[in-house]
C-alpha atoms as a PDB file:
ATOM      1  CA  MET A   1     -23.898 -92.562-139.032  1.00  0.00           C
ATOM      2  CA  LYS A   2     -23.369 -90.168-135.589  1.00  0.00           C
ATOM      3  CA  LEU A   3     -20.341 -88.372-135.282  1.00  0.00           C
ATOM      4  CA  LEU A   4     -18.952 -86.563-131.714  1.00  0.00           C
ATOM      5  CA  ARG A   5     -15.722 -85.079-130.234  1.00  0.00           C
ATOM      6  CA  VAL A   6     -15.782 -85.870-126.635  1.00  0.00           C
ATOM      7  CA  GLY A   7     -13.581 -84.451-123.617  1.00  0.00           C
ATOM      8  CA  GLN A   8     -12.358 -80.991-122.214  1.00  0.00           C
ATOM      9  CA  LYS A   9     -12.183 -77.941-124.092  1.00  0.00           C
ATOM     10  CA  GLY A  10      -9.434 -78.119-126.816  1.00  0.00           C
ATOM     11  CA  LYS A  11      -8.572 -81.847-125.885  1.00  0.00           C
ATOM     12  CA  GLU A  12     -11.436 -83.605-127.847  1.00  0.00           C
ATOM     13  CA  LYS A  13     -11.020 -87.129-128.921  1.00  0.00           C
ATOM     14  CA  PRO A  14     -13.180 -87.763-132.323  1.00  0.00           C
ATOM     15  CA  ALA A  15     -15.608 -90.360-131.553  1.00  0.00           C
ATOM     16  CA  ALA A  16     -19.188 -92.514-132.806  1.00  0.00           C
ATOM     17  CA  LEU A  17     -21.631 -93.841-131.510  1.00  0.00           C
ATOM     18  CA  ASP A  18     -22.055 -97.721-132.350  1.00  0.00           C
ATOM     19  CA  LYS A  19     -25.555 -99.543-132.299  1.00  0.00           C
ATOM     20  CA  ASP A  20     -25.477-100.034-128.690  1.00  0.00           C
ATOM     21  CA  GLY A  21     -25.711 -96.300-128.757  1.00  0.00           C
ATOM     22  CA  LYS A  22     -21.898 -96.467-126.780  1.00  0.00           C
ATOM     23  CA  ILE A  23     -19.353 -93.842-127.421  1.00  0.00           C
ATOM     24  CA  ARG A  24     -16.273 -94.716-129.014  1.00  0.00           C
ATOM     25  CA  ASP A  25     -13.300 -93.189-129.581  1.00  0.00           C
ATOM     26  CA  ILE A  26     -12.182 -93.151-133.051  1.00  0.00           C
ATOM     27  CA  SER A  27      -8.624 -91.377-133.049  1.00  0.00           C
ATOM     28  CA  SER A  28      -7.012 -94.406-134.457  1.00  0.00           C
ATOM     29  CA  HIS A  29      -8.947 -94.016-137.520  1.00  0.00           C
ATOM     30  CA  VAL A  30      -9.471 -90.417-137.987  1.00  0.00           C
ATOM     31  CA  GLU A  31      -7.222 -87.140-136.171  1.00  0.00           C
ATOM     32  CA  ASP A  32      -9.764 -84.848-135.759  1.00  0.00           C
ATOM     33  CA  LEU A  33     -13.562 -84.024-137.262  1.00  0.00           C
ATOM     34  CA  ASN A  34     -11.928 -80.672-138.412  1.00  0.00           C
ATOM     35  CA  PRO A  35     -11.789 -79.884-142.454  1.00  0.00           C
ATOM     36  CA  HIS A  36      -8.874 -81.943-143.599  1.00  0.00           C
ATOM     37  CA  HIS A  37     -11.193 -85.117-142.769  1.00  0.00           C
ATOM     38  CA  LEU A  38     -14.854 -84.161-142.837  1.00  0.00           C
ATOM     39  CA  ASN A  39     -15.331 -86.285-146.119  1.00  0.00           C
ATOM     40  CA  PHE A  40     -17.100 -89.008-147.430  1.00  0.00           C
ATOM     41  CA  GLU A  41     -14.045 -91.088-147.662  1.00  0.00           C
ATOM     42  CA  THR A  42     -13.574 -90.496-144.072  1.00  0.00           C
ATOM     43  CA  ILE A  43     -17.117 -91.392-143.261  1.00  0.00           C
ATOM     44  CA  SER A  44     -16.929 -94.342-145.895  1.00  0.00           C
ATOM     45  CA  LYS A  45     -13.470 -95.697-143.717  1.00  0.00           C
ATOM     46  CA  LEU A  46     -15.646 -95.224-140.506  1.00  0.00           C
ATOM     47  CA  GLN A  47     -18.770 -97.119-141.600  1.00  0.00           C
ATOM     48  CA  ASN A  48     -16.468-100.176-142.742  1.00  0.00           C
ATOM     49  CA  ALA A  49     -14.636 -99.857-139.233  1.00  0.00           C
ATOM     50  CA  ASP A  50     -15.746-102.102-136.450  1.00  0.00           C
ATOM     51  CA  LEU A  51     -16.541 -99.900-133.932  1.00  0.00           C
ATOM     52  CA  SER A  52     -17.661-102.200-130.778  1.00  0.00           C
ATOM     53  CA  SER A  53     -14.227-103.436-131.046  1.00  0.00           C
ATOM     54  CA  LEU A  54     -13.044 -99.660-130.255  1.00  0.00           C
ATOM     55  CA  PRO A  55     -12.375 -98.152-127.169  1.00  0.00           C
ATOM     56  CA  GLU A  56     -15.429 -97.001-125.287  1.00  0.00           C
ATOM     57  CA  ILE A  57     -15.342 -93.491-123.721  1.00  0.00           C
ATOM     58  CA  SER A  58     -17.658 -92.661-120.590  1.00  0.00           C
ATOM     59  CA  SER A  59     -20.980 -91.249-121.601  1.00  0.00           C
ATOM     60  CA  SER A  60     -20.319 -88.666-118.359  1.00  0.00           C
ATOM     61  CA  GLU A  61     -17.142 -87.066-120.345  1.00  0.00           C
ATOM     62  CA  ARG A  62     -18.544 -83.443-121.904  1.00  0.00           C
ATOM     63  CA  ILE A  63     -19.460 -83.731-125.174  1.00  0.00           C
ATOM     64  CA  GLY A  64     -17.411 -80.280-127.606  1.00  0.00           C
ATOM     65  CA  SER A  65     -18.496 -79.204-130.582  1.00  0.00           C
ATOM     66  CA  CYS A  66     -19.105 -82.034-133.726  1.00  0.00           C
ATOM     67  CA  ILE A  67     -17.009 -80.245-135.822  1.00  0.00           C
ATOM     68  CA  THR A  68     -13.855 -78.056-134.979  1.00  0.00           C
ATOM     69  CA  LYS A  69     -11.798 -75.475-136.873  1.00  0.00           C
ATOM     70  CA  PRO A  70     -14.540 -75.045-140.030  1.00  0.00           C
ATOM     71  CA  GLY A  71     -13.195 -72.143-142.759  1.00  0.00           C
ATOM     72  CA  LYS A  72     -16.542 -70.969-142.559  1.00  0.00           C
ATOM     73  CA  PHE A  73     -20.080 -70.483-140.652  1.00  0.00           C
ATOM     74  CA  ILE A  74     -22.578 -69.155-142.887  1.00  0.00           C
ATOM     75  CA  ALA A  75     -25.956 -68.170-142.060  1.00  0.00           C
ATOM     76  CA  ILE A  76     -29.194 -67.602-143.409  1.00  0.00           C
ATOM     77  CA  GLY A  77     -31.777 -65.675-141.468  1.00  0.00           C
ATOM     78  CA  LEU A  78     -35.527 -65.345-141.928  1.00  0.00           C
ATOM     79  CA  ASN A  79     -35.732 -68.688-143.477  1.00  0.00           C
ATOM     80  CA  PHE A  80     -39.169 -69.420-141.801  1.00  0.00           C
ATOM     81  CA  SER A  81     -42.020 -66.944-143.243  1.00  0.00           C
ATOM     82  CA  ASP A  82     -43.505 -67.530-139.734  1.00  0.00           C
ATOM     83  CA  HIS A  83     -40.520 -66.341-138.048  1.00  0.00           C
ATOM     84  CA  ALA A  84     -40.162 -63.781-140.812  1.00  0.00           C
ATOM     85  CA  ALA A  85     -43.919 -62.296-139.606  1.00  0.00           C
ATOM     86  CA  GLU A  86     -43.380 -61.986-136.103  1.00  0.00           C
ATOM     87  CA  THR A  87     -39.917 -59.938-136.159  1.00  0.00           C
ATOM     88  CA  GLY A  88     -41.784 -57.817-138.730  1.00  0.00           C
ATOM     89  CA  ALA A  89     -40.232 -58.294-141.860  1.00  0.00           C
ATOM     90  CA  GLU A  90     -40.696 -59.317-145.007  1.00  0.00           C
ATOM     91  CA  ALA A  91     -40.797 -63.043-145.904  1.00  0.00           C
ATOM     92  CA  PRO A  92     -37.216 -62.758-148.283  1.00  0.00           C
ATOM     93  CA  SER A  93     -37.363 -63.648-152.220  1.00  0.00           C
ATOM     94  CA  GLU A  94     -33.398 -65.097-151.865  1.00  0.00           C
ATOM     95  CA  PRO A  95     -32.086 -66.171-148.788  1.00  0.00           C
ATOM     96  CA  ILE A  96     -30.615 -63.702-146.263  1.00  0.00           C
ATOM     97  CA  VAL A  97     -27.195 -64.412-145.783  1.00  0.00           C
ATOM     98  CA  PHE A  98     -24.586 -63.401-143.176  1.00  0.00           C
ATOM     99  CA  MET A  99     -21.661 -65.024-141.504  1.00  0.00           C
ATOM    100  CA  LYS A 100     -20.700 -65.969-137.862  1.00  0.00           C
ATOM    101  CA  ALA A 101     -17.341 -65.861-136.141  1.00  0.00           C
ATOM    102  CA  THR A 102     -15.643 -69.167-136.680  1.00  0.00           C
ATOM    103  CA  SER A 103     -14.559 -68.271-132.814  1.00  0.00           C
ATOM    104  CA  CYS A 104     -17.868 -68.656-131.831  1.00  0.00           C
ATOM    105  CA  ILE A 105     -18.306 -72.190-132.187  1.00  0.00           C
ATOM    106  CA  ASN A 106     -19.261 -73.964-128.640  1.00  0.00           C
ATOM    107  CA  GLY A 107     -19.888 -77.238-127.361  1.00  0.00           C
ATOM    108  CA  PRO A 108     -23.541 -78.725-127.189  1.00  0.00           C
ATOM    109  CA  ASN A 109     -24.076 -78.300-123.256  1.00  0.00           C
ATOM    110  CA  ASP A 110     -21.206 -75.361-122.383  1.00  0.00           C
ATOM    111  CA  ASP A 111     -22.192 -72.015-121.195  1.00  0.00           C
ATOM    112  CA  ILE A 112     -23.629 -69.111-123.165  1.00  0.00           C
ATOM    113  CA  GLU A 113     -21.472 -65.844-121.972  1.00  0.00           C
ATOM    114  CA  ILE A 114     -23.447 -62.588-121.253  1.00  0.00           C
ATOM    115  CA  VAL A 115     -21.289 -59.851-121.323  1.00  0.00           C
ATOM    116  CA  SER A 116     -21.875 -56.683-119.215  1.00  0.00           C
ATOM    117  CA  GLY A 117     -24.278 -54.552-120.765  1.00  0.00           C
ATOM    118  CA  SER A 118     -25.717 -56.976-123.138  1.00  0.00           C
ATOM    119  CA  LYS A 119     -29.664 -56.017-123.115  1.00  0.00           C
ATOM    120  CA  LYS A 120     -30.938 -58.543-125.424  1.00  0.00           C
ATOM    121  CA  LEU A 121     -29.550 -61.954-125.750  1.00  0.00           C
ATOM    122  CA  ASP A 122     -31.903 -64.216-127.814  1.00  0.00           C
ATOM    123  CA  TRP A 123     -32.517 -68.023-128.662  1.00  0.00           C
ATOM    124  CA  GLU A 124     -32.460 -69.518-132.535  1.00  0.00           C
ATOM    125  CA  VAL A 125     -32.806 -73.837-132.779  1.00  0.00           C
ATOM    126  CA  GLU A 126     -31.616 -74.163-136.291  1.00  0.00           C
ATOM    127  CA  LEU A 127     -30.308 -77.068-138.705  1.00  0.00           C
ATOM    128  CA  GLY A 128     -27.184 -77.000-139.714  1.00  0.00           C
ATOM    129  CA  ILE A 129     -25.469 -78.328-142.475  1.00  0.00           C
ATOM    130  CA  ILE A 130     -22.455 -79.652-143.172  1.00  0.00           C
ATOM    131  CA  ILE A 131     -20.322 -80.014-146.429  1.00  0.00           C
ATOM    132  CA  GLY A 132     -18.451 -83.108-147.558  1.00  0.00           C
ATOM    133  CA  LYS A 133     -16.590 -81.587-150.655  1.00  0.00           C
ATOM    134  CA  GLU A 134     -15.324 -78.721-152.811  1.00  0.00           C
ATOM    135  CA  THR A 135     -18.580 -77.061-154.028  1.00  0.00           C
ATOM    136  CA  LYS A 136     -18.565 -74.505-156.350  1.00  0.00           C
ATOM    137  CA  HIS A 137     -21.603 -73.549-158.781  1.00  0.00           C
ATOM    138  CA  ILE A 138     -23.631 -76.450-158.402  1.00  0.00           C
ATOM    139  CA  SER A 139     -27.364 -76.994-159.319  1.00  0.00           C
ATOM    140  CA  GLU A 140     -29.387 -77.863-156.715  1.00  0.00           C
ATOM    141  CA  SER A 141     -30.112 -81.228-157.625  1.00  0.00           C
ATOM    142  CA  ASP A 142     -26.187 -81.532-157.372  1.00  0.00           C
ATOM    143  CA  SER A 143     -26.267 -80.620-153.977  1.00  0.00           C
ATOM    144  CA  GLU A 144     -26.823 -83.792-152.106  1.00  0.00           C
ATOM    145  CA  GLU A 145     -23.322 -85.204-153.272  1.00  0.00           C
ATOM    146  CA  HIS A 146     -21.500 -82.309-151.463  1.00  0.00           C
ATOM    147  CA  ILE A 147     -23.736 -82.320-148.142  1.00  0.00           C
ATOM    148  CA  LEU A 148     -21.722 -84.910-145.730  1.00  0.00           C
ATOM    149  CA  GLY A 149     -24.385 -84.219-142.950  1.00  0.00           C
ATOM    150  CA  TYR A 150     -26.237 -82.070-140.365  1.00  0.00           C
ATOM    151  CA  CYS A 151     -26.361 -81.095-136.794  1.00  0.00           C
ATOM    152  CA  LEU A 152     -28.148 -79.025-134.251  1.00  0.00           C
ATOM    153  CA  VAL A 153     -27.224 -75.525-134.288  1.00  0.00           C
ATOM    154  CA  ASN A 154     -28.375 -72.715-131.686  1.00  0.00           C
ATOM    155  CA  ASP A 155     -27.647 -69.452-133.364  1.00  0.00           C
ATOM    156  CA  ILE A 156     -27.237 -67.421-129.837  1.00  0.00           C
ATOM    157  CA  SER A 157     -28.197 -63.614-130.929  1.00  0.00           C
ATOM    158  CA  GLU A 158     -27.508 -60.088-129.065  1.00  0.00           C
ATOM    159  CA  ARG A 159     -30.286 -58.201-131.167  1.00  0.00           C
ATOM    160  CA  GLU A 160     -28.874 -54.898-129.869  1.00  0.00           C
ATOM    161  CA  TRP A 161     -25.671 -55.668-131.392  1.00  0.00           C
ATOM    162  CA  GLN A 162     -27.279 -57.073-134.451  1.00  0.00           C
ATOM    163  CA  LEU A 163     -29.646 -54.524-135.204  1.00  0.00           C
ATOM    164  CA  GLU A 164     -29.128 -51.256-133.734  1.00  0.00           C
ATOM    165  CA  LYS A 165     -25.329 -51.271-134.200  1.00  0.00           C
ATOM    166  CA  MET A 166     -24.882 -50.186-137.366  1.00  0.00           C
ATOM    167  CA  GLY A 167     -23.381 -52.106-140.002  1.00  0.00           C
ATOM    168  CA  GLN A 168     -23.943 -55.903-141.044  1.00  0.00           C
ATOM    169  CA  TRP A 169     -25.596 -58.646-138.332  1.00  0.00           C
ATOM    170  CA  VAL A 170     -22.443 -60.134-137.895  1.00  0.00           C
ATOM    171  CA  LYS A 171     -21.728 -58.379-134.743  1.00  0.00           C
ATOM    172  CA  GLY A 172     -24.378 -59.823-133.083  1.00  0.00           C
ATOM    173  CA  LYS A 173     -24.266 -63.098-134.444  1.00  0.00           C
ATOM    174  CA  SER A 174     -20.438 -63.771-133.425  1.00  0.00           C
ATOM    175  CA  HIS A 175     -19.372 -63.135-129.582  1.00  0.00           C
ATOM    176  CA  ASP A 176     -17.122 -66.091-128.219  1.00  0.00           C
ATOM    177  CA  THR A 177     -19.997 -69.511-127.089  1.00  0.00           C
ATOM    178  CA  TYR A 178     -22.560 -67.645-129.806  1.00  0.00           C
ATOM    179  CA  GLY A 179     -22.430 -70.764-131.700  1.00  0.00           C
ATOM    180  CA  PRO A 180     -23.146 -74.108-130.102  1.00  0.00           C
ATOM    181  CA  ILE A 181     -23.249 -77.153-132.490  1.00  0.00           C
ATOM    182  CA  GLY A 182     -23.640 -80.720-131.924  1.00  0.00           C
ATOM    183  CA  PRO A 183     -23.967 -83.242-130.173  1.00  0.00           C
ATOM    184  CA  TYR A 184     -23.386 -85.191-133.573  1.00  0.00           C
ATOM    185  CA  LEU A 185     -22.837 -84.924-137.188  1.00  0.00           C
ATOM    186  CA  VAL A 186     -25.665 -87.137-138.479  1.00  0.00           C
ATOM    187  CA  THR A 187     -24.604 -88.577-141.706  1.00  0.00           C
ATOM    188  CA  LYS A 188     -26.801 -87.776-144.119  1.00  0.00           C
ATOM    189  CA  ASP A 189     -28.210 -91.406-145.103  1.00  0.00           C
ATOM    190  CA  GLU A 190     -29.479 -91.665-141.016  1.00  0.00           C
ATOM    191  CA  ILE A 191     -32.137 -88.899-142.504  1.00  0.00           C
ATOM    192  CA  SER A 192     -35.281 -90.485-144.476  1.00  0.00           C
ATOM    193  CA  ASP A 193     -36.103 -87.037-144.885  1.00  0.00           C
ATOM    194  CA  ILE A 194     -34.324 -83.320-143.836  1.00  0.00           C
ATOM    195  CA  ASN A 195     -37.241 -81.542-144.673  1.00  0.00           C
ATOM    196  CA  ASN A 196     -39.111 -82.759-142.314  1.00  0.00           C
ATOM    197  CA  LEU A 197     -37.929 -82.717-139.329  1.00  0.00           C
ATOM    198  CA  ASN A 198     -39.433 -81.324-135.468  1.00  0.00           C
ATOM    199  CA  MET A 199     -37.607 -78.740-134.054  1.00  0.00           C
ATOM    200  CA  SER A 200     -38.214 -77.229-130.499  1.00  0.00           C
ATOM    201  CA  LEU A 201     -36.369 -74.921-127.836  1.00  0.00           C
ATOM    202  CA  ASP A 202     -37.293 -74.175-124.108  1.00  0.00           C
ATOM    203  CA  VAL A 203     -36.501 -71.147-121.925  1.00  0.00           C
ATOM    204  CA  ASN A 204     -36.314 -72.624-118.237  1.00  0.00           C
ATOM    205  CA  GLY A 205     -38.430 -75.533-119.091  1.00  0.00           C
ATOM    206  CA  LYS A 206     -41.137 -73.202-121.056  1.00  0.00           C
ATOM    207  CA  LYS A 207     -41.673 -74.078-124.624  1.00  0.00           C
ATOM    208  CA  MET A 208     -40.630 -71.350-126.785  1.00  0.00           C
ATOM    209  CA  GLN A 209     -40.047 -72.337-130.470  1.00  0.00           C
ATOM    210  CA  ARG A 210     -41.743 -75.279-131.780  1.00  0.00           C
ATOM    211  CA  GLY A 211     -41.674 -75.830-135.638  1.00  0.00           C
ATOM    212  CA  ASN A 212     -40.899 -77.959-138.631  1.00  0.00           C
ATOM    213  CA  THR A 213     -37.741 -78.008-141.866  1.00  0.00           C
ATOM    214  CA  ASN A 214     -40.944 -78.498-143.786  1.00  0.00           C
ATOM    215  CA  THR A 215     -41.939 -74.667-143.559  1.00  0.00           C
ATOM    216  CA  MET A 216     -38.264 -73.428-144.141  1.00  0.00           C
ATOM    217  CA  ILE A 217     -38.742 -71.012-147.302  1.00  0.00           C
ATOM    218  CA  PHE A 218     -34.825 -72.295-148.917  1.00  0.00           C
ATOM    219  CA  ASN A 219     -34.901 -75.946-148.376  1.00  0.00           C
ATOM    220  CA  ALA A 220     -31.333 -77.542-147.959  1.00  0.00           C
ATOM    221  CA  ASN A 221     -30.076 -78.395-151.460  1.00  0.00           C
ATOM    222  CA  PHE A 222     -31.527 -74.666-152.310  1.00  0.00           C
ATOM    223  CA  ILE A 223     -29.207 -73.036-150.085  1.00  0.00           C
ATOM    224  CA  VAL A 224     -26.351 -75.221-150.744  1.00  0.00           C
ATOM    225  CA  SER A 225     -26.451 -74.627-154.394  1.00  0.00           C
ATOM    226  CA  TYR A 226     -27.664 -71.031-153.853  1.00  0.00           C
ATOM    227  CA  LEU A 227     -24.535 -70.348-151.803  1.00  0.00           C
ATOM    228  CA  SER A 228     -22.144 -72.053-154.107  1.00  0.00           C
ATOM    229  CA  LYS A 229     -22.468 -69.467-157.145  1.00  0.00           C
ATOM    230  CA  TYR A 230     -21.639 -66.511-154.790  1.00  0.00           C
ATOM    231  CA  MET A 231     -18.551 -68.412-152.800  1.00  0.00           C
ATOM    232  CA  SER A 232     -16.977 -71.733-152.938  1.00  0.00           C
ATOM    233  CA  LEU A 233     -17.931 -74.069-149.603  1.00  0.00           C
ATOM    234  CA  GLN A 234     -15.024 -76.839-148.733  1.00  0.00           C
ATOM    235  CA  PRO A 235     -14.921 -79.334-146.607  1.00  0.00           C
ATOM    236  CA  GLY A 236     -15.998 -79.055-143.352  1.00  0.00           C
ATOM    237  CA  ASP A 237     -17.719 -75.752-144.318  1.00  0.00           C
ATOM    238  CA  ILE A 238     -20.912 -75.087-141.665  1.00  0.00           C
ATOM    239  CA  ILE A 239     -24.756 -73.355-142.596  1.00  0.00           C
ATOM    240  CA  THR A 240     -27.130 -72.809-140.638  1.00  0.00           C
ATOM    241  CA  THR A 241     -30.355 -72.519-141.859  1.00  0.00           C
ATOM    242  CA  GLY A 242     -32.634 -70.434-140.285  1.00  0.00           C
ATOM    243  CA  THR A 243     -35.110 -70.551-137.193  1.00  0.00           C
ATOM    244  CA  PRO A 244     -38.892 -71.004-136.690  1.00  0.00           C
ATOM    245  CA  PRO A 245     -41.486 -68.841-134.347  1.00  0.00           C
ATOM    246  CA  GLY A 246     -40.507 -68.226-130.759  1.00  0.00           C
ATOM    247  CA  VAL A 247     -37.733 -66.257-130.710  1.00  0.00           C
ATOM    248  CA  GLY A 248     -37.534 -63.549-127.424  1.00  0.00           C
ATOM    249  CA  MET A 249     -37.219 -60.757-129.877  1.00  0.00           C
ATOM    250  CA  GLY A 250     -40.522 -61.454-131.195  1.00  0.00           C
ATOM    251  CA  MET A 251     -42.787 -62.072-128.375  1.00  0.00           C
ATOM    252  CA  LYS A 252     -44.871 -58.972-127.080  1.00  0.00           C
ATOM    253  CA  PRO A 253     -43.632 -57.821-124.532  1.00  0.00           C
ATOM    254  CA  GLN A 254     -40.030 -58.703-125.585  1.00  0.00           C
ATOM    255  CA  GLN A 255     -38.396 -61.869-123.513  1.00  0.00           C
ATOM    256  CA  PHE A 256     -34.180 -61.958-123.648  1.00  0.00           C
ATOM    257  CA  LEU A 257     -32.300 -64.010-121.858  1.00  0.00           C
ATOM    258  CA  LYS A 258     -30.357 -63.650-118.666  1.00  0.00           C
ATOM    259  CA  ALA A 259     -28.085 -64.905-116.537  1.00  0.00           C
ATOM    260  CA  GLY A 260     -28.831 -68.065-114.715  1.00  0.00           C
ATOM    261  CA  ASP A 261     -31.426 -69.179-117.689  1.00  0.00           C
ATOM    262  CA  THR A 262     -31.127 -72.426-118.928  1.00  0.00           C
ATOM    263  CA  MET A 263     -32.150 -73.867-122.587  1.00  0.00           C
ATOM    264  CA  LYS A 264     -33.146 -76.696-124.031  1.00  0.00           C
ATOM    265  CA  LEU A 265     -33.579 -77.584-127.691  1.00  0.00           C
ATOM    266  CA  SER A 266     -33.620 -80.127-130.139  1.00  0.00           C
ATOM    267  CA  ILE A 267     -34.564 -81.218-133.718  1.00  0.00           C
ATOM    268  CA  GLU A 268     -35.770 -84.685-134.735  1.00  0.00           C
ATOM    269  CA  ASN A 269     -32.845 -87.474-135.459  1.00  0.00           C
ATOM    270  CA  LEU A 270     -29.547 -84.894-134.448  1.00  0.00           C
ATOM    271  CA  GLY A 271     -30.285 -84.839-130.630  1.00  0.00           C
ATOM    272  CA  GLU A 272     -30.478 -82.742-127.779  1.00  0.00           C
ATOM    273  CA  GLN A 273     -28.278 -79.747-126.325  1.00  0.00           C
ATOM    274  CA  ASN A 274     -28.621 -78.074-122.635  1.00  0.00           C
ATOM    275  CA  SER A 275     -26.848 -75.017-121.774  1.00  0.00           C
ATOM    276  CA  LYS A 276     -27.494 -72.096-119.241  1.00  0.00           C
ATOM    277  CA  VAL A 277     -26.151 -67.882-119.350  1.00  0.00           C
ATOM    278  CA  VAL A 278     -23.513 -67.039-117.298  1.00  0.00           C
ATOM    279  CA  ALA A 279     -22.519 -63.672-116.752  1.00  0.00           C
ATOM    280  CA  LEU A 280     -18.659 -62.864-118.181  1.00  0.00           C
END
C-alpha cells in the first residue's frame, strides 16, 4: 500500500492510494499515521478494506509528511562509499549514527527555510525506513519482521552548523523543515528489492545526485538490527539511511542552496518530492 497524509499543515487526514491511483480518505479506519497506528495490524486492516468505497480526496490538496509524531528520527551518515570519498572521509567500518529532531519533519513539497546567516545549506536524497513493531536486540535476519515500510527523505543539512559549530551533527540536521518525508509510506510488500532502487536529486533542474541503494555500505536490514542493539525502536520510528554522491559539500567549488532554489528528488517506487528554498 501507499499511505499518505493530506490537508493543511496540522490538519492532515490519513489517506491511501487505491488501485487506480486515486487518493482515498481512510480516517474512518485509522485516526492518523502516528506511532499508535503505525503497526502491522493497521496495515492488515487497511489491506482488507474496500478503498474504492471511501471518500476521494482531490489530488490538488497539499500532501503532508507521510507519518507524524515519530518517537525518534534516526540517521545514518556516510553510508555510500562514493559519498564518503567525495567528502574526504573514510568509509566507516560501522554505521555512523546521529539524530534529527522530530520537529524538523516537513511535507514532501513544503518550502525549506533558509535563515539569515546560513551559508552552507545542502541536500541529501535518502531512503527512509519506518518501524512497525517493538524492536530490541534483533538479528539481521529478523529485521524484515520489524520494518513496516519505506519512504523518501531529504536529509537537509546546514554544513557549517553540522561540522564547524562544535559538538554533534544534530545541530546542522534539525532546523525546522530540514526533514521532508514522503509523499508516501510504501509498505514493504510493494518493494521487490529494497537493495536495488534508483535515487536522484536535481537542483534548479540540474542533475546533482544519481545513485542506487545497491551501493549502500550497510543495507536496511543490517541497520535495523545494528540500531536495535544500542536502543529499542518503536512503531513509527523513522531511520534515514544515507545518501549517494553529488551533495553540494562534495563539489569543487562547493555549491550550496540559496533562497529561490528548487529541488526535485525521487527514489524508484517511493515517489517524488518538489520543494523550494525560502528566506525565513
